[in-house]
Protein backbone atom coordinates (compact mmCIF):
# COMPACT_ATOMS: atom_id res chain seq x y z
CA UNK A 1 0.41 -0.15 -0.01
CA UNK A 2 1.19 3.57 -0.88
CA UNK A 3 2.49 5.39 1.94
CA UNK A 4 1.99 9.00 0.49
CA UNK A 5 -1.27 11.51 1.98
CA UNK A 6 -3.53 12.90 -0.67
CA UNK A 7 -4.36 15.79 0.78
CA UNK A 8 -2.57 18.21 -1.55
CA UNK A 9 -4.58 16.43 -4.24
CA UNK A 10 -7.99 16.75 -2.66
CA UNK A 11 -7.02 20.71 -2.55
CA UNK A 12 -5.76 21.01 -5.54
CA UNK A 13 -8.72 19.22 -7.13
CA UNK A 14 -10.90 21.27 -5.07
CA UNK A 15 -9.36 24.35 -6.73
CA UNK A 16 -9.82 23.77 -9.91
CA UNK A 17 -13.24 22.49 -9.87
CA UNK A 18 -14.11 26.10 -7.49
CA UNK A 19 -12.18 27.58 -11.06
CA UNK A 20 -15.27 26.03 -12.98
CA UNK A 21 -17.82 26.92 -11.03
CA UNK A 22 -17.09 30.35 -10.99
CA UNK A 23 -16.75 30.40 -14.43
CA UNK A 24 -20.63 29.16 -14.77
CA UNK A 25 -21.58 32.90 -13.34
CA UNK A 26 -21.47 33.39 -16.95
CA UNK A 27 -23.88 30.54 -18.16
CA UNK A 28 -24.29 26.99 -17.96
CA UNK A 29 -23.07 26.99 -21.71
CA UNK A 30 -19.80 27.64 -20.35
CA UNK A 31 -18.98 23.72 -19.57
CA UNK A 32 -18.24 23.57 -23.48
CA UNK A 33 -15.52 26.01 -23.73
CA UNK A 34 -11.94 25.36 -24.40
CA UNK A 35 -11.07 26.95 -20.75
CA UNK A 36 -13.33 24.51 -18.95
CA UNK A 37 -12.15 21.38 -21.71
CA UNK A 38 -8.29 22.40 -20.50
CA UNK A 39 -9.25 22.45 -16.34
CA UNK A 40 -11.27 19.12 -17.02
CA UNK A 41 -8.29 17.69 -18.60
CA UNK A 42 -5.68 18.84 -15.90
CA UNK A 43 -8.36 16.56 -13.25
CA UNK A 44 -8.78 13.54 -15.55
CA UNK A 45 -4.52 13.49 -17.00
CA UNK A 46 -3.10 14.37 -13.77
CA UNK A 47 -5.58 14.72 -10.70
CA UNK A 48 -7.38 11.20 -11.06
CA UNK A 49 -3.70 9.50 -11.02
CA UNK A 50 -2.83 11.22 -7.74
CA UNK A 51 -5.63 10.42 -6.20
CA UNK A 52 -6.51 6.93 -6.91
CA UNK A 53 -2.18 6.41 -6.25
CA UNK A 54 -1.79 3.53 -8.17
CA UNK A 55 1.85 1.16 -7.19
CA UNK A 56 3.51 2.78 -9.91
CA UNK A 57 3.39 6.38 -7.60
CA UNK A 58 4.83 4.42 -4.36
CA UNK A 59 8.63 5.07 -5.79
CA UNK A 60 8.44 8.68 -5.22
CA UNK A 61 8.84 10.40 -1.73
CA UNK A 62 5.87 12.43 -0.33
CA UNK A 63 8.12 15.49 -0.55
CA UNK A 64 8.40 14.63 -4.62
CA UNK A 65 4.68 13.86 -4.51
CA UNK A 66 3.46 17.72 -3.39
CA UNK A 67 6.37 19.03 -5.28
CA UNK A 68 4.32 17.19 -8.62
CA UNK A 69 1.05 18.95 -7.11
CA UNK A 70 3.19 22.12 -7.09
CA UNK A 71 3.63 22.19 -10.22
CA UNK A 72 0.57 21.45 -11.30
CA UNK A 73 -1.14 24.16 -9.58
CA UNK A 74 1.84 26.61 -11.10
CA UNK A 75 0.88 25.27 -14.78
CA UNK A 76 -3.04 26.21 -13.92
CA UNK A 77 -2.57 29.51 -12.74
CA UNK A 78 -0.28 30.60 -15.53
CA UNK A 79 -2.29 28.77 -17.99
CA UNK A 80 -5.44 30.53 -16.19
CA UNK A 81 -3.41 34.37 -16.23
CA UNK A 82 -2.86 33.79 -19.66
CA UNK A 83 -6.80 33.09 -20.55
CA UNK A 84 -7.81 35.95 -19.00
CA UNK A 85 -5.00 38.54 -19.78
CA UNK A 86 -3.66 38.36 -22.91
CA UNK A 87 -6.03 38.28 -25.97
CA UNK A 88 -5.16 37.34 -29.70
CA UNK A 89 -7.15 37.10 -32.02
CA UNK A 90 -5.12 34.41 -33.85
CA UNK A 91 -8.44 32.59 -35.80
CA UNK A 92 -9.58 35.65 -37.12
CA UNK A 93 -9.29 34.73 -40.52
CA UNK A 94 -11.15 31.25 -39.69
CA UNK A 95 -14.14 32.89 -37.78
CA UNK A 96 -14.38 35.25 -40.99
CA UNK A 97 -14.29 31.64 -43.26
CA UNK A 98 -17.13 30.27 -40.84
CA UNK A 99 -19.86 32.36 -42.85
CA UNK A 100 -19.29 30.11 -46.13
CA UNK A 101 -20.47 27.06 -43.68
CA UNK A 102 -23.74 28.34 -43.74
CA UNK A 103 -24.65 27.57 -47.16
CA UNK A 104 -25.55 24.11 -48.14
CA UNK A 105 -23.75 23.77 -51.20
CA UNK A 106 -20.50 25.37 -49.68
CA UNK A 107 -20.99 22.37 -47.09
CA UNK A 108 -21.32 19.62 -50.03
CA UNK A 109 -18.47 20.76 -51.61
CA UNK A 110 -15.62 21.13 -48.98
CA UNK A 111 -17.21 17.70 -47.73
CA UNK A 112 -16.99 15.91 -51.23
CA UNK A 113 -12.81 17.61 -51.63
CA UNK A 114 -11.89 16.98 -48.56
CA UNK A 115 -13.47 12.71 -48.79
CA UNK A 116 -11.67 12.89 -52.48
CA UNK A 117 -8.32 14.16 -51.39
CA UNK A 118 -8.57 11.76 -48.24
CA UNK A 119 -9.60 8.66 -50.28
CA UNK A 120 -7.12 9.20 -52.65
CA UNK A 121 -4.25 9.28 -51.01
CA UNK A 122 -5.22 6.31 -49.23
CA UNK A 123 -5.39 4.33 -52.47
CA UNK A 124 -2.41 6.01 -53.77
CA UNK A 125 -0.24 4.90 -51.09
CA UNK A 126 -2.13 1.17 -51.05
CA UNK A 127 -1.85 0.87 -54.62
CA UNK A 128 -5.23 1.13 -54.88
CA UNK A 129 -6.03 -1.96 -52.64
CA UNK A 130 -9.82 -0.98 -51.99
CA UNK A 131 -10.12 -4.09 -49.51
CA UNK A 132 -7.77 -1.52 -47.34
CA UNK A 133 -11.03 0.72 -46.49
CA UNK A 134 -13.26 -1.74 -45.27
CA UNK A 135 -10.23 -3.59 -42.89
CA UNK A 136 -10.15 -3.31 -39.25
CA UNK A 137 -14.30 -1.46 -38.88
CA UNK A 138 -15.52 -4.53 -37.04
CA UNK A 139 -12.51 -5.57 -34.99
CA UNK A 140 -9.36 -3.81 -33.91
CA UNK A 141 -6.38 -4.32 -35.62
CA UNK A 142 -3.28 -5.19 -34.18
CA UNK A 143 -0.83 -2.31 -32.70
CA UNK A 144 -1.98 0.91 -35.18
CA UNK A 145 -1.54 -1.05 -38.45
CA UNK A 146 -4.35 0.02 -40.35
CA UNK A 147 -5.01 3.74 -42.08
CA UNK A 148 -6.02 6.49 -40.05
CA UNK A 149 -3.48 5.97 -37.16
CA UNK A 150 -0.20 7.39 -36.20
CA UNK A 151 1.86 10.13 -38.25
CA UNK A 152 4.64 8.96 -39.67
CA UNK A 153 7.75 11.02 -40.72
CA UNK A 154 7.86 12.84 -44.24
CA UNK A 155 9.65 10.06 -46.70
CA UNK A 156 7.20 10.79 -50.28
CA UNK A 157 5.06 7.81 -50.16
CA UNK A 158 4.29 8.48 -46.15
CA UNK A 159 3.04 12.68 -47.50
CA UNK A 160 0.74 10.67 -49.71
CA UNK A 161 -0.41 8.30 -46.96
CA UNK A 162 -0.81 12.02 -44.42
CA UNK A 163 -3.44 13.03 -47.08
CA UNK A 164 -6.29 11.46 -45.52
CA UNK A 165 -6.05 14.07 -43.01
CA UNK A 166 -8.54 15.32 -45.11
CA UNK A 167 -10.92 12.88 -44.13
CA UNK A 168 -11.27 13.97 -40.25
CA UNK A 169 -10.65 17.60 -41.12
CA UNK A 170 -14.60 17.55 -42.84
CA UNK A 171 -16.01 15.38 -40.38
CA UNK A 172 -17.60 18.36 -38.77
CA UNK A 173 -19.09 19.35 -42.30
CA UNK A 174 -20.23 16.07 -43.08
CA UNK A 175 -22.49 15.58 -39.71
CA UNK A 176 -23.69 19.22 -39.91
CA UNK A 177 -25.06 18.12 -43.71
CA UNK A 178 -26.24 15.31 -42.90
CA UNK A 179 -28.50 16.75 -39.81
CA UNK A 180 -29.38 19.52 -42.49
CA UNK A 181 -32.67 18.65 -43.67
CA UNK A 182 -32.77 21.43 -46.19
CA UNK A 183 -29.75 19.38 -48.09
CA UNK A 184 -30.20 17.29 -50.48
CA UNK A 185 -31.30 13.31 -49.69
CA UNK A 186 -28.68 11.98 -50.92
CA UNK A 187 -26.19 14.48 -50.11
CA UNK A 188 -26.92 13.83 -46.50
CA UNK A 189 -26.79 9.96 -47.07
CA UNK A 190 -23.30 10.29 -48.16
CA UNK A 191 -22.05 12.32 -45.16
CA UNK A 192 -23.90 9.40 -42.89
CA UNK A 193 -22.27 6.52 -44.23
CA UNK A 194 -19.34 8.86 -44.36
CA UNK A 195 -19.10 9.55 -40.79
CA UNK A 196 -20.16 5.69 -39.87
CA UNK A 197 -16.80 5.19 -41.62
CA UNK A 198 -14.69 7.08 -39.94
CA UNK A 199 -15.91 6.18 -36.51
CA UNK A 200 -15.69 2.55 -37.16
CA UNK A 201 -12.24 3.23 -38.51
CA UNK A 202 -10.91 5.45 -36.33
CA UNK A 203 -12.44 3.55 -32.88
CA UNK A 204 -10.75 0.25 -33.49
CA UNK A 205 -7.54 1.62 -35.05
CA UNK A 206 -6.53 1.33 -31.46
CA UNK A 207 -5.29 5.00 -31.49
CA UNK A 208 -6.91 6.24 -28.96
CA UNK A 209 -6.54 10.90 -30.11
CA UNK A 210 -8.40 10.07 -33.36
CA UNK A 211 -12.00 8.98 -32.12
CA UNK A 212 -12.51 12.74 -29.94
CA UNK A 213 -12.60 14.75 -32.92
CA UNK A 214 -15.47 12.66 -34.17
CA UNK A 215 -17.01 11.61 -30.83
CA UNK A 216 -18.02 15.46 -29.87
CA UNK A 217 -18.81 16.79 -32.97
CA UNK A 218 -21.58 14.18 -32.87
CA UNK A 219 -22.12 14.74 -30.08
CA UNK A 220 -22.90 18.50 -30.21
CA UNK A 221 -25.15 17.76 -33.47
CA UNK A 222 -27.34 15.39 -31.16
CA UNK A 223 -27.13 18.63 -28.27
CA UNK A 224 -28.11 21.03 -30.85
CA UNK A 225 -30.99 19.79 -32.16
CA UNK A 226 -32.65 18.56 -28.60
CA UNK A 227 -34.73 21.13 -26.70
CA UNK A 228 -33.76 23.53 -24.29
CA UNK A 229 -34.35 21.56 -21.35
CA UNK A 230 -32.43 18.31 -22.89
CA UNK A 231 -29.72 20.54 -23.87
CA UNK A 232 -29.31 21.18 -20.12
CA UNK A 233 -29.89 17.71 -19.24
CA UNK A 234 -27.22 16.52 -21.14
CA UNK A 235 -24.09 19.13 -20.22
CA UNK A 236 -24.86 18.28 -16.42
CA UNK A 237 -25.15 14.35 -17.18
CA UNK A 238 -23.53 13.98 -20.74
CA UNK A 239 -20.09 15.35 -19.80
CA UNK A 240 -19.35 13.44 -16.39
CA UNK A 241 -21.08 10.38 -18.20
CA UNK A 242 -18.55 10.96 -21.34
CA UNK A 243 -15.67 11.41 -19.76
CA UNK A 244 -16.31 7.66 -17.43
CA UNK A 245 -17.09 6.16 -20.30
CA UNK A 246 -14.44 7.35 -22.23
CA UNK A 247 -12.21 6.65 -19.37
CA UNK A 248 -13.15 2.78 -19.49
CA UNK A 249 -13.08 2.47 -23.33
CA UNK A 250 -9.52 3.87 -22.96
CA UNK A 251 -8.46 1.17 -20.49
CA UNK A 252 -10.13 -1.83 -22.68
CA UNK A 253 -8.00 -0.29 -25.77
CA UNK A 254 -5.17 -0.67 -23.51
CA UNK A 255 -5.79 -4.25 -22.71
CA UNK A 256 -6.40 -5.32 -26.35
CA UNK A 257 -4.89 -3.24 -28.95
CA UNK A 258 -1.62 -5.80 -29.07
CA UNK A 259 -3.43 -8.83 -29.82
CA UNK A 260 -6.30 -6.88 -31.92
CA UNK A 261 -9.16 -7.49 -30.23
CA UNK A 262 -11.88 -5.18 -28.29
CA UNK A 263 -12.65 -6.81 -25.19
CA UNK A 264 -14.57 -4.72 -22.24
CA UNK A 265 -14.51 -7.74 -20.32
CA UNK A 266 -10.85 -7.20 -19.09
CA UNK A 267 -10.84 -3.57 -18.29
CA UNK A 268 -11.19 -3.56 -14.15
CA UNK A 269 -8.20 -6.06 -14.48
CA UNK A 270 -6.16 -3.16 -16.32
CA UNK A 271 -3.01 -1.19 -14.16
CA UNK A 272 -2.18 0.77 -16.83
CA UNK A 273 -5.01 2.93 -19.00
CA UNK A 274 -3.58 6.04 -20.86
CA UNK A 275 -4.33 8.43 -18.46
CA UNK A 276 -1.36 8.47 -15.99
CA UNK A 277 0.36 11.25 -16.69
CA UNK A 278 1.08 12.61 -13.55
CA UNK A 279 3.89 9.21 -12.52
CA UNK A 280 5.29 10.36 -16.07
CA UNK A 281 5.69 14.24 -14.50
CA UNK A 282 7.19 13.02 -11.12
CA UNK A 283 9.92 11.06 -13.56
CA UNK A 284 11.19 13.38 -15.18
CA UNK A 285 11.14 15.78 -12.94
CA UNK A 286 13.56 13.27 -10.66
CA UNK A 287 15.70 12.39 -13.85
CA UNK A 288 16.41 15.89 -14.00
CA UNK A 289 17.33 16.22 -10.96
CA UNK A 290 19.79 13.34 -11.55
CA UNK A 291 21.70 14.93 -14.54
CA UNK A 292 19.34 14.39 -17.62
CA UNK A 293 19.68 17.44 -19.61
CA UNK A 294 16.52 19.38 -21.23
CA UNK A 295 15.38 19.27 -24.45
CA UNK A 296 15.49 22.83 -25.17
CA UNK A 297 12.70 22.74 -27.31
CA UNK A 298 13.81 19.80 -29.55
CA UNK A 299 10.97 17.68 -29.43
CA UNK A 300 8.63 20.80 -30.45
CA UNK A 301 10.45 21.51 -33.46
CA UNK A 302 10.31 17.50 -34.36
CA UNK A 303 7.09 17.57 -34.56
CA UNK A 304 7.01 20.86 -36.59
CA UNK A 305 8.99 19.65 -39.09
CA UNK A 306 7.32 16.31 -39.60
CA UNK A 307 5.28 16.94 -42.53
CA UNK A 308 8.97 17.77 -44.48
CA UNK A 309 9.97 14.94 -46.70
CA UNK A 310 13.19 12.89 -45.94
CA UNK A 311 14.10 13.06 -49.15
CA UNK A 312 14.51 16.95 -49.08
CA UNK A 313 16.39 16.73 -45.50
CA UNK A 314 17.78 13.44 -44.80
CA UNK A 315 19.18 14.17 -41.37
CA UNK A 316 15.82 15.49 -39.95
CA UNK A 317 15.43 14.59 -36.42
CA UNK A 318 12.97 11.61 -35.05
CA UNK A 319 13.68 12.00 -31.63
CA UNK A 320 10.04 12.77 -30.58
CA UNK A 321 8.88 13.89 -26.78
CA UNK A 322 7.53 10.06 -26.81
CA UNK A 323 11.11 8.24 -27.67
CA UNK A 324 13.26 10.73 -25.61
CA UNK A 325 11.24 9.74 -22.70
CA UNK A 326 11.53 6.04 -23.78
CA UNK A 327 15.19 6.05 -23.81
CA UNK A 328 15.19 7.32 -20.17
CA UNK A 329 13.25 4.46 -19.21
CA UNK A 330 15.23 2.68 -20.95
CA UNK A 331 13.26 0.75 -22.93
CA UNK A 332 15.43 -0.25 -25.18
CA UNK A 333 15.93 -3.25 -27.39
CA UNK A 334 19.52 -5.49 -28.06
CA UNK A 335 20.46 -2.39 -30.03
CA UNK A 336 19.31 0.35 -28.01
CA UNK A 337 16.49 1.76 -30.01
CA UNK A 338 13.48 2.54 -28.33
CA UNK A 339 10.79 -0.60 -28.36
CA UNK A 340 7.76 2.06 -27.76
CA UNK A 341 6.69 5.71 -27.42
CA UNK A 342 6.06 6.77 -23.76
CA UNK A 343 3.30 9.84 -23.71
CA UNK A 344 5.18 12.39 -21.65
CA UNK A 345 2.12 14.28 -20.86
CA UNK A 346 1.48 18.05 -21.40
CA UNK A 347 3.02 19.43 -17.81
CA UNK A 348 6.00 16.46 -18.49
CA UNK A 349 7.03 17.76 -22.14
CA UNK A 350 7.04 21.23 -21.18
CA UNK A 351 9.00 20.37 -17.85
CA UNK A 352 11.60 17.82 -20.24
CA UNK A 353 12.17 20.67 -22.57
CA UNK A 354 12.81 23.89 -20.21
CA UNK A 355 13.01 22.34 -16.70
CA UNK A 356 10.72 24.27 -14.65
CA UNK A 357 10.41 27.19 -16.59
CA UNK A 358 8.21 25.19 -18.77
CA UNK A 359 5.60 25.35 -16.54
CA UNK A 360 5.24 28.77 -17.14
CA UNK A 361 6.52 29.56 -20.38
CA UNK A 362 4.10 26.07 -22.39
CA UNK A 363 0.85 27.09 -20.11
CA UNK A 364 1.07 30.77 -21.11
CA UNK A 365 1.03 30.32 -24.66
CA UNK A 366 -1.71 27.03 -24.07
CA UNK A 367 -3.74 30.17 -22.46
CA UNK A 368 -3.45 32.48 -25.29
CA UNK A 369 -4.30 30.21 -27.96
CA UNK A 370 -7.04 28.73 -25.94
CA UNK A 371 -8.59 31.80 -25.65
CA UNK A 372 -8.44 32.62 -28.93
CA UNK A 373 -10.45 29.03 -29.55
CA UNK A 374 -12.95 30.43 -27.00
CA UNK A 375 -13.84 33.31 -28.87
CA UNK A 376 -15.87 31.24 -31.25
CA UNK A 377 -17.68 30.11 -29.04
CA UNK A 378 -20.43 32.85 -29.53
CA UNK A 379 -19.93 32.67 -33.39
CA UNK A 380 -20.56 28.65 -32.86
CA UNK A 381 -23.93 29.12 -30.93
CA UNK A 382 -25.40 30.86 -34.29
CA UNK A 383 -24.69 28.03 -36.43
CA UNK A 384 -24.44 24.12 -36.69
CA UNK A 385 -21.47 23.60 -38.85
CA UNK A 386 -19.88 26.46 -36.64
CA UNK A 387 -20.60 24.97 -33.69
CA UNK A 388 -19.15 21.83 -35.13
CA UNK A 389 -16.05 22.97 -36.00
CA UNK A 390 -15.73 24.44 -32.42
CA UNK A 391 -16.56 21.25 -30.86
CA UNK A 392 -14.00 19.56 -32.55
CA UNK A 393 -11.21 21.96 -31.77
CA UNK A 394 -12.49 21.72 -28.17
CA UNK A 395 -11.40 17.75 -28.38
CA UNK A 396 -8.08 19.01 -29.74
CA UNK A 397 -7.36 21.38 -27.02
CA UNK A 398 -8.91 18.11 -24.45
CA UNK A 399 -6.83 15.64 -25.97
CA UNK A 400 -3.43 17.98 -25.94
CA UNK A 401 -3.37 17.67 -21.86
CA UNK A 402 -2.58 14.64 -22.65
CA UNK A 403 0.24 15.29 -24.97
CA UNK A 404 0.89 18.36 -27.02
CA UNK A 405 1.69 16.98 -30.49
CA UNK A 406 0.98 18.91 -33.21
CA UNK A 407 -0.44 16.65 -35.88
CA UNK A 408 -3.68 16.44 -34.01
CA UNK A 409 -3.94 19.71 -35.53
CA UNK A 410 -3.42 18.87 -38.52
CA UNK A 411 -7.32 18.51 -39.25
CA UNK A 412 -8.00 21.96 -38.63
CA UNK A 413 -5.37 23.59 -40.85
CA UNK A 414 -6.54 21.27 -43.63
CA UNK A 415 -10.01 22.64 -42.93
CA UNK A 416 -8.50 26.27 -42.91
CA UNK A 417 -7.04 25.50 -46.12
CA UNK A 418 -9.94 23.63 -48.04
CA UNK A 419 -12.16 27.15 -46.96
CA UNK A 420 -9.07 28.96 -47.68
CA UNK A 421 -9.08 27.71 -51.36
CA UNK A 422 -13.01 27.90 -52.23
CA UNK A 423 -12.39 31.71 -50.96
CA UNK A 424 -9.52 32.21 -53.26
CA UNK A 425 -11.30 30.70 -56.07
CA UNK A 426 -14.01 32.85 -55.40
CA UNK A 427 -16.62 29.95 -55.03
CA UNK A 428 -18.13 30.66 -51.39
CA UNK A 429 -19.54 33.78 -51.89
CA UNK A 430 -18.13 36.05 -49.53
CA UNK A 431 -17.20 39.09 -51.17
CA UNK A 432 -20.79 39.44 -51.45
CA UNK A 433 -22.34 37.58 -49.50
CA UNK A 434 -23.83 39.60 -45.65
CA UNK A 435 -22.52 38.46 -42.88
CA UNK A 436 -24.58 36.00 -41.19
CA UNK A 437 -23.74 36.95 -37.97
CA UNK A 438 -21.18 38.92 -36.32
CA UNK A 439 -17.72 38.24 -36.03
CA UNK A 440 -16.77 38.50 -32.38
CA UNK A 441 -12.45 38.70 -32.70
CA UNK A 442 -13.12 41.56 -35.81
CA UNK A 443 -15.50 43.89 -33.91
CA UNK A 444 -15.61 44.31 -30.02
CA UNK A 445 -15.46 40.87 -28.29
CA UNK A 446 -18.54 39.48 -27.81
CA UNK A 447 -18.70 38.71 -24.13
CA UNK A 448 -21.07 36.09 -22.50
CA UNK A 449 -21.86 37.50 -19.47
CA UNK A 450 -24.72 37.05 -16.58
CA UNK A 451 -26.88 40.10 -18.04
CA UNK A 452 -26.11 38.27 -21.83
CA UNK A 453 -26.52 34.25 -22.03
CA UNK A 454 -25.61 33.20 -25.61
CA UNK A 455 -27.64 29.58 -26.44
CA UNK A 456 -28.15 27.76 -29.44
CA UNK A 457 -31.67 28.72 -31.75
CA UNK A 458 -34.22 25.72 -30.67
CA UNK A 459 -33.69 23.20 -32.77
CA UNK A 460 -35.61 23.55 -36.63
């Protein structure tokens, strides 16, 4: 039995919950904000393990445990200070382009374009093996061996493979079109089949990070079409149930992905679920205290240059945070190469790169980015397609609480690319169409206050 006291973890959990409740003075819909997603992710990825005290934490002293809690509080406070104190309209161009999503014809063009590029890349990569599109739809394949899996390192052939990122890019738009009654029936049916295919392919891929940006927009579409009373119930009940369900699903994936099967019966016997980021934070802090050198931003740089083809840059670095931490854990084969990747977590990677200073720099940068995405909430509450795109971004933000991986942002970047190309080609109608809603980052920011509450319109 572990000897540590969880008193500090209880205090930190109470502090973060108080921050979430305090924001509710601006309305219940603030639970849908990316700020709340970040705070919940801290509880989910760090405090849940600290409160459970699994045997893997027994190797750390009470002082090390409490110092880790201090690091969590410091990073959280830094994030909140930057979120509330620094406003940079990073996504103003994205917000302006949202107006084109009100047109069913434009939605269909974007979905068809993204699907064509994405499916075409898979077929080219597999040398037109159509069976690849249907493999893994009914059973999990062993250890990320299928399509829509983890990112590659940029050879010419895998660059073609990575173009499938356009598939998740248009998933929110496909969901919106499937729920849009004024859209042509054939378009709605295609989008429904496409979304089902994407969900099954992602669900059984063994890679958990690509499921949430599909599942959350689906839940957001159901929420949008519910009555106002049911919406409130979905928020209050759906969020806790979704978090608990996600925890047990993650455990089932961990238990079965090496064998390529999904067995929910073994969930209660799994020691590692995938949300154990607190132990990695403590391990990194201890390792750097004993001489491990900080990475000084190299793991972030490795992710940033990942799309560059290795044919153009043969010496491109490959040591991302997962491989660096695996080496620190000495998870190596007889040739000295890592046998797996170990996620350091959002805070762990910040400490891995910049030491204690990283707990100030990285959360502050995250606060600026998350605040910029939060500007889209008033826009999203006026438009179903915009709301689903916003929900996809919130899902990505939540997933980054476990580990910052720039590849998780590729889908949003691909969607922006499609929308921007449509504008440049003049097929979006943005230059002549009147705005359908106010842009909160180009004019005076729209803020949800106790007197002004924004709610999605009643389903039509």
